[in-house]
């Protein structure tokens, strides 16, 4: 979540693919793992 917030401040608008890429690269996880993390952030309504 911090990675995405910082990216929003730096780059502005983010697409879903951008957010997944940021999580994937920032955490060193697979795309599937990044998608699960992103889905959690949406389901709990942080995003």
ModelCIF file with pLDDT and N, C-alpha, C, O atoms, coordinates in Angstrom:
data_MODEL
#
_entry.id   MODEL 
#
_entity.id                         1 
_entity.type                       polymer 
_entity.pdbx_number_of_molecules   1 
#
_entity_poly.entity_id                      1 
_entity_poly.type                           'polypeptide(L)' 
_entity_poly.nstd_linkage                   no 
_entity_poly.nstd_monomer                   no 
_entity_poly.pdbx_seq_one_letter_code       
;(UNK)(UNK)(UNK)(UNK)(UNK)(UNK)(UNK)(UNK)(UNK)(UNK)(UNK)(UNK)(UNK)(UNK)(UNK)(UNK)
(UNK)(UNK)(UNK)(UNK)(UNK)(UNK)(UNK)(UNK)(UNK)(UNK)(UNK)(UNK)(UNK)(UNK)(UNK)(UNK)
(UNK)(UNK)(UNK)(UNK)(UNK)(UNK)(UNK)(UNK)(UNK)(UNK)(UNK)(UNK)(UNK)(UNK)(UNK)
;
_entity_poly.pdbx_seq_one_letter_code_can   XXXXXXXXXXXXXXXXXXXXXXXXXXXXXXXXXXXXXXXXXXXXXXX 
_entity_poly.pdbx_strand_id                 A 
#
loop_
_entity_poly_seq.entity_id 
_entity_poly_seq.num 
_entity_poly_seq.mon_id 
_entity_poly_seq.hetero 
1 1  UNK n 
1 2  UNK n 
1 3  UNK n 
1 4  UNK n 
1 5  UNK n 
1 6  UNK n 
1 7  UNK n 
1 8  UNK n 
1 9  UNK n 
1 10 UNK n 
1 11 UNK n 
1 12 UNK n 
1 13 UNK n 
1 14 UNK n 
1 15 UNK n 
1 16 UNK n 
1 17 UNK n 
1 18 UNK n 
1 19 UNK n 
1 20 UNK n 
1 21 UNK n 
1 22 UNK n 
1 23 UNK n 
1 24 UNK n 
1 25 UNK n 
1 26 UNK n 
1 27 UNK n 
1 28 UNK n 
1 29 UNK n 
1 30 UNK n 
1 31 UNK n 
1 32 UNK n 
1 33 UNK n 
1 34 UNK n 
1 35 UNK n 
1 36 UNK n 
1 37 UNK n 
1 38 UNK n 
1 39 UNK n 
1 40 UNK n 
1 41 UNK n 
1 42 UNK n 
1 43 UNK n 
1 44 UNK n 
1 45 UNK n 
1 46 UNK n 
1 47 UNK n 
#
_struct_asym.id          A 
_struct_asym.entity_id   1 
#
loop_
_ma_qa_metric.id 
_ma_qa_metric.mode 
_ma_qa_metric.name 
_ma_qa_metric.software_group_id 
_ma_qa_metric.type 
1 global pLDDT . pLDDT 
2 local  pLDDT . pLDDT 
#
_ma_qa_metric_global.metric_id      1 
_ma_qa_metric_global.metric_value   94.36 
_ma_qa_metric_global.model_id       1 
_ma_qa_metric_global.ordinal_id     1 
#
loop_
_ma_qa_metric_local.label_asym_id 
_ma_qa_metric_local.label_comp_id 
_ma_qa_metric_local.label_seq_id 
_ma_qa_metric_local.metric_id 
_ma_qa_metric_local.metric_value 
_ma_qa_metric_local.model_id 
_ma_qa_metric_local.ordinal_id 
A UNK 1  2 95.00 1 1  
A UNK 2  2 95.00 1 2  
A UNK 3  2 97.00 1 3  
A UNK 4  2 96.00 1 4  
A UNK 5  2 95.00 1 5  
A UNK 6  2 95.00 1 6  
A UNK 7  2 96.00 1 7  
A UNK 8  2 95.00 1 8  
A UNK 9  2 94.00 1 9  
A UNK 10 2 93.00 1 10 
A UNK 11 2 91.00 1 11 
A UNK 12 2 91.00 1 12 
A UNK 13 2 91.00 1 13 
A UNK 14 2 95.00 1 14 
A UNK 15 2 96.00 1 15 
A UNK 16 2 96.00 1 16 
A UNK 17 2 96.00 1 17 
A UNK 18 2 96.00 1 18 
A UNK 19 2 96.00 1 19 
A UNK 20 2 97.00 1 20 
A UNK 21 2 97.00 1 21 
A UNK 22 2 97.00 1 22 
A UNK 23 2 97.00 1 23 
A UNK 24 2 96.00 1 24 
A UNK 25 2 95.00 1 25 
A UNK 26 2 96.00 1 26 
A UNK 27 2 96.00 1 27 
A UNK 28 2 96.00 1 28 
A UNK 29 2 96.00 1 29 
A UNK 30 2 96.00 1 30 
A UNK 31 2 96.00 1 31 
A UNK 32 2 96.00 1 32 
A UNK 33 2 96.00 1 33 
A UNK 34 2 96.00 1 34 
A UNK 35 2 96.00 1 35 
A UNK 36 2 96.00 1 36 
A UNK 37 2 96.00 1 37 
A UNK 38 2 96.00 1 38 
A UNK 39 2 95.00 1 39 
A UNK 40 2 91.00 1 40 
A UNK 41 2 94.00 1 41 
A UNK 42 2 92.00 1 42 
A UNK 43 2 87.00 1 43 
A UNK 44 2 85.00 1 44 
A UNK 45 2 83.00 1 45 
A UNK 46 2 89.00 1 46 
A UNK 47 2 93.00 1 47 
#
loop_
_atom_site.group_PDB 
_atom_site.id 
_atom_site.type_symbol 
_atom_site.label_atom_id 
_atom_site.label_alt_id 
_atom_site.label_comp_id 
_atom_site.label_asym_id 
_atom_site.label_entity_id 
_atom_site.label_seq_id 
_atom_site.pdbx_PDB_ins_code 
_atom_site.Cartn_x 
_atom_site.Cartn_y 
_atom_site.Cartn_z 
_atom_site.occupancy 
_atom_site.B_iso_or_equiv 
_atom_site.pdbx_formal_charge 
_atom_site.auth_seq_id 
_atom_site.auth_comp_id 
_atom_site.auth_asym_id 
_atom_site.auth_atom_id 
_atom_site.pdbx_PDB_model_num 
ATOM 1   N N  . UNK A 1 1  ? 0.832   -1.199  0.000   1.00 95.00 ? 1  UNK A N  1 
ATOM 2   C CA . UNK A 1 1  ? 0.000   0.000   0.000   1.00 95.00 ? 1  UNK A CA 1 
ATOM 3   C C  . UNK A 1 1  ? 0.871   1.256   0.000   1.00 95.00 ? 1  UNK A C  1 
ATOM 4   O O  . UNK A 1 1  ? 0.571   2.219   -0.706  1.00 95.00 ? 1  UNK A O  1 
ATOM 5   N N  . UNK A 1 2  ? 1.938   1.251   0.781   1.00 95.00 ? 2  UNK A N  1 
ATOM 6   C CA . UNK A 1 2  ? 2.853   2.393   0.811   1.00 95.00 ? 2  UNK A CA 1 
ATOM 7   C C  . UNK A 1 2  ? 3.509   2.598   -0.554  1.00 95.00 ? 2  UNK A C  1 
ATOM 8   O O  . UNK A 1 2  ? 3.676   3.733   -1.001  1.00 95.00 ? 2  UNK A O  1 
ATOM 9   N N  . UNK A 1 3  ? 3.880   1.504   -1.211  1.00 97.00 ? 3  UNK A N  1 
ATOM 10  C CA . UNK A 1 3  ? 4.486   1.602   -2.539  1.00 97.00 ? 3  UNK A CA 1 
ATOM 11  C C  . UNK A 1 3  ? 3.533   2.267   -3.531  1.00 97.00 ? 3  UNK A C  1 
ATOM 12  O O  . UNK A 1 3  ? 3.938   3.119   -4.322  1.00 97.00 ? 3  UNK A O  1 
ATOM 13  N N  . UNK A 1 4  ? 2.273   1.869   -3.478  1.00 96.00 ? 4  UNK A N  1 
ATOM 14  C CA . UNK A 1 4  ? 1.286   2.435   -4.399  1.00 96.00 ? 4  UNK A CA 1 
ATOM 15  C C  . UNK A 1 4  ? 1.030   3.904   -4.086  1.00 96.00 ? 4  UNK A C  1 
ATOM 16  O O  . UNK A 1 4  ? 0.938   4.725   -4.999  1.00 96.00 ? 4  UNK A O  1 
ATOM 17  N N  . UNK A 1 5  ? 0.913   4.245   -2.794  1.00 95.00 ? 5  UNK A N  1 
ATOM 18  C CA . UNK A 1 5  ? 0.711   5.648   -2.420  1.00 95.00 ? 5  UNK A CA 1 
ATOM 19  C C  . UNK A 1 5  ? 1.866   6.519   -2.888  1.00 95.00 ? 5  UNK A C  1 
ATOM 20  O O  . UNK A 1 5  ? 1.655   7.606   -3.425  1.00 95.00 ? 5  UNK A O  1 
ATOM 21  N N  . UNK A 1 6  ? 3.095   6.037   -2.683  1.00 95.00 ? 6  UNK A N  1 
ATOM 22  C CA . UNK A 1 6  ? 4.267   6.800   -3.111  1.00 95.00 ? 6  UNK A CA 1 
ATOM 23  C C  . UNK A 1 6  ? 4.314   6.951   -4.621  1.00 95.00 ? 6  UNK A C  1 
ATOM 24  O O  . UNK A 1 6  ? 4.707   7.998   -5.137  1.00 95.00 ? 6  UNK A O  1 
ATOM 25  N N  . UNK A 1 7  ? 3.912   5.897   -5.331  1.00 96.00 ? 7  UNK A N  1 
ATOM 26  C CA . UNK A 1 7  ? 3.893   5.961   -6.794  1.00 96.00 ? 7  UNK A CA 1 
ATOM 27  C C  . UNK A 1 7  ? 2.851   6.952   -7.290  1.00 96.00 ? 7  UNK A C  1 
ATOM 28  O O  . UNK A 1 7  ? 3.072   7.640   -8.286  1.00 96.00 ? 7  UNK A O  1 
ATOM 29  N N  . UNK A 1 8  ? 1.719   7.027   -6.601  1.00 95.00 ? 8  UNK A N  1 
ATOM 30  C CA . UNK A 1 8  ? 0.687   8.003   -6.961  1.00 95.00 ? 8  UNK A CA 1 
ATOM 31  C C  . UNK A 1 8  ? 1.209   9.430   -6.801  1.00 95.00 ? 8  UNK A C  1 
ATOM 32  O O  . UNK A 1 8  ? 0.945   10.299  -7.632  1.00 95.00 ? 8  UNK A O  1 
ATOM 33  N N  . UNK A 1 9  ? 1.960   9.657   -5.712  1.00 94.00 ? 9  UNK A N  1 
ATOM 34  C CA . UNK A 1 9  ? 2.519   10.987  -5.482  1.00 94.00 ? 9  UNK A CA 1 
ATOM 35  C C  . UNK A 1 9  ? 3.555   11.338  -6.544  1.00 94.00 ? 9  UNK A C  1 
ATOM 36  O O  . UNK A 1 9  ? 3.647   12.491  -6.967  1.00 94.00 ? 9  UNK A O  1 
ATOM 37  N N  . UNK A 1 10 ? 4.331   10.350  -6.974  1.00 93.00 ? 10 UNK A N  1 
ATOM 38  C CA . UNK A 1 10 ? 5.418   10.600  -7.919  1.00 93.00 ? 10 UNK A CA 1 
ATOM 39  C C  . UNK A 1 10 ? 4.950   10.645  -9.367  1.00 93.00 ? 10 UNK A C  1 
ATOM 40  O O  . UNK A 1 10 ? 5.392   11.494  -10.140 1.00 93.00 ? 10 UNK A O  1 
ATOM 41  N N  . UNK A 1 11 ? 4.052   9.727   -9.735  1.00 91.00 ? 11 UNK A N  1 
ATOM 42  C CA . UNK A 1 11 ? 3.667   9.587   -11.145 1.00 91.00 ? 11 UNK A CA 1 
ATOM 43  C C  . UNK A 1 11 ? 2.253   10.055  -11.450 1.00 91.00 ? 11 UNK A C  1 
ATOM 44  O O  . UNK A 1 11 ? 1.906   10.264  -12.613 1.00 91.00 ? 11 UNK A O  1 
ATOM 45  N N  . UNK A 1 12 ? 1.431   10.223  -10.415 1.00 91.00 ? 12 UNK A N  1 
ATOM 46  C CA . UNK A 1 12 ? 0.044   10.611  -10.653 1.00 91.00 ? 12 UNK A CA 1 
ATOM 47  C C  . UNK A 1 12 ? -0.829  9.395   -10.888 1.00 91.00 ? 12 UNK A C  1 
ATOM 48  O O  . UNK A 1 12 ? -0.785  8.436   -10.117 1.00 91.00 ? 12 UNK A O  1 
ATOM 49  N N  . UNK A 1 13 ? -1.622  9.430   -11.947 1.00 91.00 ? 13 UNK A N  1 
ATOM 50  C CA . UNK A 1 13 ? -2.600  8.374   -12.219 1.00 91.00 ? 13 UNK A CA 1 
ATOM 51  C C  . UNK A 1 13 ? -1.927  7.029   -12.471 1.00 91.00 ? 13 UNK A C  1 
ATOM 52  O O  . UNK A 1 13 ? -0.953  6.929   -13.216 1.00 91.00 ? 13 UNK A O  1 
ATOM 53  N N  . UNK A 1 14 ? -2.481  5.991   -11.824 1.00 95.00 ? 14 UNK A N  1 
ATOM 54  C CA . UNK A 1 14 ? -1.991  4.628   -12.011 1.00 95.00 ? 14 UNK A CA 1 
ATOM 55  C C  . UNK A 1 14 ? -3.108  3.742   -12.545 1.00 95.00 ? 14 UNK A C  1 
ATOM 56  O O  . UNK A 1 14 ? -4.238  3.791   -12.061 1.00 95.00 ? 14 UNK A O  1 
ATOM 57  N N  . UNK A 1 15 ? -2.785  2.941   -13.535 1.00 96.00 ? 15 UNK A N  1 
ATOM 58  C CA . UNK A 1 15 ? -3.692  1.900   -13.996 1.00 96.00 ? 15 UNK A CA 1 
ATOM 59  C C  . UNK A 1 15 ? -3.488  0.653   -13.142 1.00 96.00 ? 15 UNK A C  1 
ATOM 60  O O  . UNK A 1 15 ? -2.507  0.551   -12.406 1.00 96.00 ? 15 UNK A O  1 
ATOM 61  N N  . UNK A 1 16 ? -4.409  -0.285  -13.241 1.00 96.00 ? 16 UNK A N  1 
ATOM 62  C CA . UNK A 1 16 ? -4.292  -1.513  -12.466 1.00 96.00 ? 16 UNK A CA 1 
ATOM 63  C C  . UNK A 1 16 ? -2.991  -2.226  -12.790 1.00 96.00 ? 16 UNK A C  1 
ATOM 64  O O  . UNK A 1 16 ? -2.298  -2.703  -11.891 1.00 96.00 ? 16 UNK A O  1 
ATOM 65  N N  . UNK A 1 17 ? -2.658  -2.301  -14.071 1.00 96.00 ? 17 UNK A N  1 
ATOM 66  C CA . UNK A 1 17 ? -1.406  -2.942  -14.476 1.00 96.00 ? 17 UNK A CA 1 
ATOM 67  C C  . UNK A 1 17 ? -0.191  -2.269  -13.870 1.00 96.00 ? 17 UNK A C  1 
ATOM 68  O O  . UNK A 1 17 ? 0.776   -2.936  -13.502 1.00 96.00 ? 17 UNK A O  1 
ATOM 69  N N  . UNK A 1 18 ? -0.238  -0.936  -13.765 1.00 96.00 ? 18 UNK A N  1 
ATOM 70  C CA . UNK A 1 18 ? 0.869   -0.198  -13.138 1.00 96.00 ? 18 UNK A CA 1 
ATOM 71  C C  . UNK A 1 18 ? 1.012   -0.588  -11.675 1.00 96.00 ? 18 UNK A C  1 
ATOM 72  O O  . UNK A 1 18 ? 2.118   -0.815  -11.183 1.00 96.00 ? 18 UNK A O  1 
ATOM 73  N N  . UNK A 1 19 ? -0.120  -0.661  -10.989 1.00 96.00 ? 19 UNK A N  1 
ATOM 74  C CA . UNK A 1 19 ? -0.095  -1.007  -9.566  1.00 96.00 ? 19 UNK A CA 1 
ATOM 75  C C  . UNK A 1 19 ? 0.458   -2.415  -9.355  1.00 96.00 ? 19 UNK A C  1 
ATOM 76  O O  . UNK A 1 19 ? 1.251   -2.647  -8.443  1.00 96.00 ? 19 UNK A O  1 
ATOM 77  N N  . UNK A 1 20 ? 0.038   -3.345  -10.197 1.00 97.00 ? 20 UNK A N  1 
ATOM 78  C CA . UNK A 1 20 ? 0.538   -4.715  -10.090 1.00 97.00 ? 20 UNK A CA 1 
ATOM 79  C C  . UNK A 1 20 ? 2.040   -4.765  -10.341 1.00 97.00 ? 20 UNK A C  1 
ATOM 80  O O  . UNK A 1 20 ? 2.760   -5.497  -9.661  1.00 97.00 ? 20 UNK A O  1 
ATOM 81  N N  . UNK A 1 21 ? 2.515   -3.992  -11.312 1.00 97.00 ? 21 UNK A N  1 
ATOM 82  C CA . UNK A 1 21 ? 3.947   -3.956  -11.629 1.00 97.00 ? 21 UNK A CA 1 
ATOM 83  C C  . UNK A 1 21 ? 4.726   -3.382  -10.446 1.00 97.00 ? 21 UNK A C  1 
ATOM 84  O O  . UNK A 1 21 ? 5.796   -3.885  -10.103 1.00 97.00 ? 21 UNK A O  1 
ATOM 85  N N  . UNK A 1 22 ? 4.194   -2.337  -9.826  1.00 97.00 ? 22 UNK A N  1 
ATOM 86  C CA . UNK A 1 22 ? 4.861   -1.702  -8.677  1.00 97.00 ? 22 UNK A CA 1 
ATOM 87  C C  . UNK A 1 22 ? 4.964   -2.670  -7.513  1.00 97.00 ? 22 UNK A C  1 
ATOM 88  O O  . UNK A 1 22 ? 6.009   -2.759  -6.869  1.00 97.00 ? 22 UNK A O  1 
ATOM 89  N N  . UNK A 1 23 ? 3.888   -3.397  -7.238  1.00 97.00 ? 23 UNK A N  1 
ATOM 90  C CA . UNK A 1 23 ? 3.905   -4.374  -6.151  1.00 97.00 ? 23 UNK A CA 1 
ATOM 91  C C  . UNK A 1 23 ? 4.879   -5.506  -6.467  1.00 97.00 ? 23 UNK A C  1 
ATOM 92  O O  . UNK A 1 23 ? 5.661   -5.929  -5.616  1.00 97.00 ? 23 UNK A O  1 
ATOM 93  N N  . UNK A 1 24 ? 4.815   -5.987  -7.708  1.00 96.00 ? 24 UNK A N  1 
ATOM 94  C CA . UNK A 1 24 ? 5.657   -7.101  -8.140  1.00 96.00 ? 24 UNK A CA 1 
ATOM 95  C C  . UNK A 1 24 ? 7.141   -6.756  -7.994  1.00 96.00 ? 24 UNK A C  1 
ATOM 96  O O  . UNK A 1 24 ? 7.913   -7.516  -7.411  1.00 96.00 ? 24 UNK A O  1 
ATOM 97  N N  . UNK A 1 25 ? 7.523   -5.594  -8.535  1.00 95.00 ? 25 UNK A N  1 
ATOM 98  C CA . UNK A 1 25 ? 8.929   -5.191  -8.489  1.00 95.00 ? 25 UNK A CA 1 
ATOM 99  C C  . UNK A 1 25 ? 9.339   -4.740  -7.088  1.00 95.00 ? 25 UNK A C  1 
ATOM 100 O O  . UNK A 1 25 ? 10.427  -5.077  -6.620  1.00 95.00 ? 25 UNK A O  1 
ATOM 101 N N  . UNK A 1 26 ? 8.479   -3.986  -6.424  1.00 96.00 ? 26 UNK A N  1 
ATOM 102 C CA . UNK A 1 26 ? 8.827   -3.442  -5.117  1.00 96.00 ? 26 UNK A CA 1 
ATOM 103 C C  . UNK A 1 26 ? 8.975   -4.489  -4.034  1.00 96.00 ? 26 UNK A C  1 
ATOM 104 O O  . UNK A 1 26 ? 9.783   -4.338  -3.118  1.00 96.00 ? 26 UNK A O  1 
ATOM 105 N N  . UNK A 1 27 ? 8.185   -5.562  -4.142  1.00 96.00 ? 27 UNK A N  1 
ATOM 106 C CA . UNK A 1 27 ? 8.221   -6.611  -3.125  1.00 96.00 ? 27 UNK A CA 1 
ATOM 107 C C  . UNK A 1 27 ? 8.972   -7.857  -3.574  1.00 96.00 ? 27 UNK A C  1 
ATOM 108 O O  . UNK A 1 27 ? 9.261   -8.747  -2.773  1.00 96.00 ? 27 UNK A O  1 
ATOM 109 N N  . UNK A 1 28 ? 9.284   -7.907  -4.866  1.00 96.00 ? 28 UNK A N  1 
ATOM 110 C CA . UNK A 1 28 ? 9.974   -9.085  -5.380  1.00 96.00 ? 28 UNK A CA 1 
ATOM 111 C C  . UNK A 1 28 ? 9.114   -10.326 -5.378  1.00 96.00 ? 28 UNK A C  1 
ATOM 112 O O  . UNK A 1 28 ? 9.588   -11.422 -5.078  1.00 96.00 ? 28 UNK A O  1 
ATOM 113 N N  . UNK A 1 29 ? 7.833   -10.149 -5.718  1.00 96.00 ? 29 UNK A N  1 
ATOM 114 C CA . UNK A 1 29 ? 6.897   -11.276 -5.728  1.00 96.00 ? 29 UNK A CA 1 
ATOM 115 C C  . UNK A 1 29 ? 6.428   -11.546 -7.155  1.00 96.00 ? 29 UNK A C  1 
ATOM 116 O O  . UNK A 1 29 ? 6.682   -10.756 -8.064  1.00 96.00 ? 29 UNK A O  1 
ATOM 117 N N  . UNK A 1 30 ? 5.742   -12.667 -7.338  1.00 96.00 ? 30 UNK A N  1 
ATOM 118 C CA . UNK A 1 30 ? 5.226   -13.023 -8.650  1.00 96.00 ? 30 UNK A CA 1 
ATOM 119 C C  . UNK A 1 30 ? 4.021   -12.161 -9.006  1.00 96.00 ? 30 UNK A C  1 
ATOM 120 O O  . UNK A 1 30 ? 3.458   -11.487 -8.143  1.00 96.00 ? 30 UNK A O  1 
ATOM 121 N N  . UNK A 1 31 ? 3.625   -12.182 -10.279 1.00 96.00 ? 31 UNK A N  1 
ATOM 122 C CA . UNK A 1 31 ? 2.450   -11.417 -10.694 1.00 96.00 ? 31 UNK A CA 1 
ATOM 123 C C  . UNK A 1 31 ? 1.189   -11.927 -9.999  1.00 96.00 ? 31 UNK A C  1 
ATOM 124 O O  . UNK A 1 31 ? 0.319   -11.140 -9.625  1.00 96.00 ? 31 UNK A O  1 
ATOM 125 N N  . UNK A 1 32 ? 1.092   -13.262 -9.826  1.00 96.00 ? 32 UNK A N  1 
ATOM 126 C CA . UNK A 1 32 ? -0.080  -13.807 -9.126  1.00 96.00 ? 32 UNK A CA 1 
ATOM 127 C C  . UNK A 1 32 ? -0.133  -13.326 -7.678  1.00 96.00 ? 32 UNK A C  1 
ATOM 128 O O  . UNK A 1 32 ? -1.199  -12.969 -7.177  1.00 96.00 ? 32 UNK A O  1 
ATOM 129 N N  . UNK A 1 33 ? 1.019   -13.316 -7.007  1.00 96.00 ? 33 UNK A N  1 
ATOM 130 C CA . UNK A 1 33 ? 1.069   -12.838 -5.625  1.00 96.00 ? 33 UNK A CA 1 
ATOM 131 C C  . UNK A 1 33 ? 0.730   -11.355 -5.560  1.00 96.00 ? 33 UNK A C  1 
ATOM 132 O O  . UNK A 1 33 ? 0.025   -10.917 -4.650  1.00 96.00 ? 33 UNK A O  1 
ATOM 133 N N  . UNK A 1 34 ? 1.226   -10.582 -6.516  1.00 96.00 ? 34 UNK A N  1 
ATOM 134 C CA . UNK A 1 34 ? 0.926   -9.148  -6.570  1.00 96.00 ? 34 UNK A CA 1 
ATOM 135 C C  . UNK A 1 34 ? -0.570  -8.930  -6.765  1.00 96.00 ? 34 UNK A C  1 
ATOM 136 O O  . UNK A 1 34 ? -1.158  -8.029  -6.166  1.00 96.00 ? 34 UNK A O  1 
ATOM 137 N N  . UNK A 1 35 ? -1.176  -9.756  -7.601  1.00 96.00 ? 35 UNK A N  1 
ATOM 138 C CA . UNK A 1 35 ? -2.614  -9.625  -7.850  1.00 96.00 ? 35 UNK A CA 1 
ATOM 139 C C  . UNK A 1 35 ? -3.417  -9.935  -6.582  1.00 96.00 ? 35 UNK A C  1 
ATOM 140 O O  . UNK A 1 35 ? -4.410  -9.264  -6.298  1.00 96.00 ? 35 UNK A O  1 
ATOM 141 N N  . UNK A 1 36 ? -2.995  -10.938 -5.826  1.00 96.00 ? 36 UNK A N  1 
ATOM 142 C CA . UNK A 1 36 ? -3.686  -11.267 -4.574  1.00 96.00 ? 36 UNK A CA 1 
ATOM 143 C C  . UNK A 1 36 ? -3.569  -10.126 -3.561  1.00 96.00 ? 36 UNK A C  1 
ATOM 144 O O  . UNK A 1 36 ? -4.539  -9.783  -2.885  1.00 96.00 ? 36 UNK A O  1 
ATOM 145 N N  . UNK A 1 37 ? -2.381  -9.547  -3.463  1.00 96.00 ? 37 UNK A N  1 
ATOM 146 C CA . UNK A 1 37 ? -2.175  -8.428  -2.541  1.00 96.00 ? 37 UNK A CA 1 
ATOM 147 C C  . UNK A 1 37 ? -3.035  -7.243  -2.958  1.00 96.00 ? 37 UNK A C  1 
ATOM 148 O O  . UNK A 1 37 ? -3.682  -6.612  -2.122  1.00 96.00 ? 37 UNK A O  1 
ATOM 149 N N  . UNK A 1 38 ? -3.039  -6.942  -4.250  1.00 96.00 ? 38 UNK A N  1 
ATOM 150 C CA . UNK A 1 38 ? -3.836  -5.825  -4.758  1.00 96.00 ? 38 UNK A CA 1 
ATOM 151 C C  . UNK A 1 38 ? -5.327  -6.064  -4.490  1.00 96.00 ? 38 UNK A C  1 
ATOM 152 O O  . UNK A 1 38 ? -6.043  -5.148  -4.085  1.00 96.00 ? 38 UNK A O  1 
ATOM 153 N N  . UNK A 1 39 ? -5.784  -7.282  -4.713  1.00 95.00 ? 39 UNK A N  1 
ATOM 154 C CA . UNK A 1 39 ? -7.191  -7.609  -4.473  1.00 95.00 ? 39 UNK A CA 1 
ATOM 155 C C  . UNK A 1 39 ? -7.552  -7.420  -3.010  1.00 95.00 ? 39 UNK A C  1 
ATOM 156 O O  . UNK A 1 39 ? -8.654  -6.966  -2.701  1.00 95.00 ? 39 UNK A O  1 
ATOM 157 N N  . UNK A 1 40 ? -6.638  -7.761  -2.099  1.00 91.00 ? 40 UNK A N  1 
ATOM 158 C CA . UNK A 1 40 ? -6.869  -7.561  -0.666  1.00 91.00 ? 40 UNK A CA 1 
ATOM 159 C C  . UNK A 1 40 ? -7.010  -6.071  -0.354  1.00 91.00 ? 40 UNK A C  1 
ATOM 160 O O  . UNK A 1 40 ? -7.891  -5.678  0.410   1.00 91.00 ? 40 UNK A O  1 
ATOM 161 N N  . UNK A 1 41 ? -6.151  -5.247  -0.939  1.00 94.00 ? 41 UNK A N  1 
ATOM 162 C CA . UNK A 1 41 ? -6.201  -3.805  -0.684  1.00 94.00 ? 41 UNK A CA 1 
ATOM 163 C C  . UNK A 1 41 ? -7.509  -3.203  -1.190  1.00 94.00 ? 41 UNK A C  1 
ATOM 164 O O  . UNK A 1 41 ? -8.020  -2.238  -0.622  1.00 94.00 ? 41 UNK A O  1 
ATOM 165 N N  . UNK A 1 42 ? -8.041  -3.781  -2.259  1.00 92.00 ? 42 UNK A N  1 
ATOM 166 C CA . UNK A 1 42 ? -9.322  -3.303  -2.788  1.00 92.00 ? 42 UNK A CA 1 
ATOM 167 C C  . UNK A 1 42 ? -10.477 -3.823  -1.937  1.00 92.00 ? 42 UNK A C  1 
ATOM 168 O O  . UNK A 1 42 ? -11.414 -3.081  -1.643  1.00 92.00 ? 42 UNK A O  1 
ATOM 169 N N  . UNK A 1 43 ? -10.413 -5.087  -1.543  1.00 87.00 ? 43 UNK A N  1 
ATOM 170 C CA . UNK A 1 43 ? -11.525 -5.687  -0.787  1.00 87.00 ? 43 UNK A CA 1 
ATOM 171 C C  . UNK A 1 43 ? -11.689 -5.027  0.578   1.00 87.00 ? 43 UNK A C  1 
ATOM 172 O O  . UNK A 1 43 ? -12.811 -4.906  1.070   1.00 87.00 ? 43 UNK A O  1 
ATOM 173 N N  . UNK A 1 44 ? -10.585 -4.596  1.201   1.00 85.00 ? 44 UNK A N  1 
ATOM 174 C CA . UNK A 1 44 ? -10.666 -3.921  2.494   1.00 85.00 ? 44 UNK A CA 1 
ATOM 175 C C  . UNK A 1 44 ? -10.848 -2.415  2.310   1.00 85.00 ? 44 UNK A C  1 
ATOM 176 O O  . UNK A 1 44 ? -10.924 -1.660  3.280   1.00 85.00 ? 44 UNK A O  1 
ATOM 177 N N  . UNK A 1 45 ? -10.915 -2.001  1.060   1.00 83.00 ? 45 UNK A N  1 
ATOM 178 C CA . UNK A 1 45 ? -11.246 -0.628  0.694   1.00 83.00 ? 45 UNK A CA 1 
ATOM 179 C C  . UNK A 1 45 ? -10.187 0.402   1.078   1.00 83.00 ? 45 UNK A C  1 
ATOM 180 O O  . UNK A 1 45 ? -10.485 1.530   1.471   1.00 83.00 ? 45 UNK A O  1 
ATOM 181 N N  . UNK A 1 46 ? -8.941  -0.040  0.947   1.00 89.00 ? 46 UNK A N  1 
ATOM 182 C CA . UNK A 1 46 ? -7.870  0.961   0.984   1.00 89.00 ? 46 UNK A CA 1 
ATOM 183 C C  . UNK A 1 46 ? -7.703  1.561   -0.407  1.00 89.00 ? 46 UNK A C  1 
ATOM 184 O O  . UNK A 1 46 ? -7.299  2.713   -0.564  1.00 89.00 ? 46 UNK A O  1 
ATOM 185 N N  . UNK A 1 47 ? -8.023  0.754   -1.406  1.00 93.00 ? 47 UNK A N  1 
ATOM 186 C CA . UNK A 1 47 ? -7.962  1.202   -2.793  1.00 93.00 ? 47 UNK A CA 1 
ATOM 187 C C  . UNK A 1 47 ? -9.291  0.913   -3.471  1.00 93.00 ? 47 UNK A C  1 
ATOM 188 O O  . UNK A 1 47 ? -9.459  1.212   -4.653  1.00 93.00 ? 47 UNK A O  1 
#
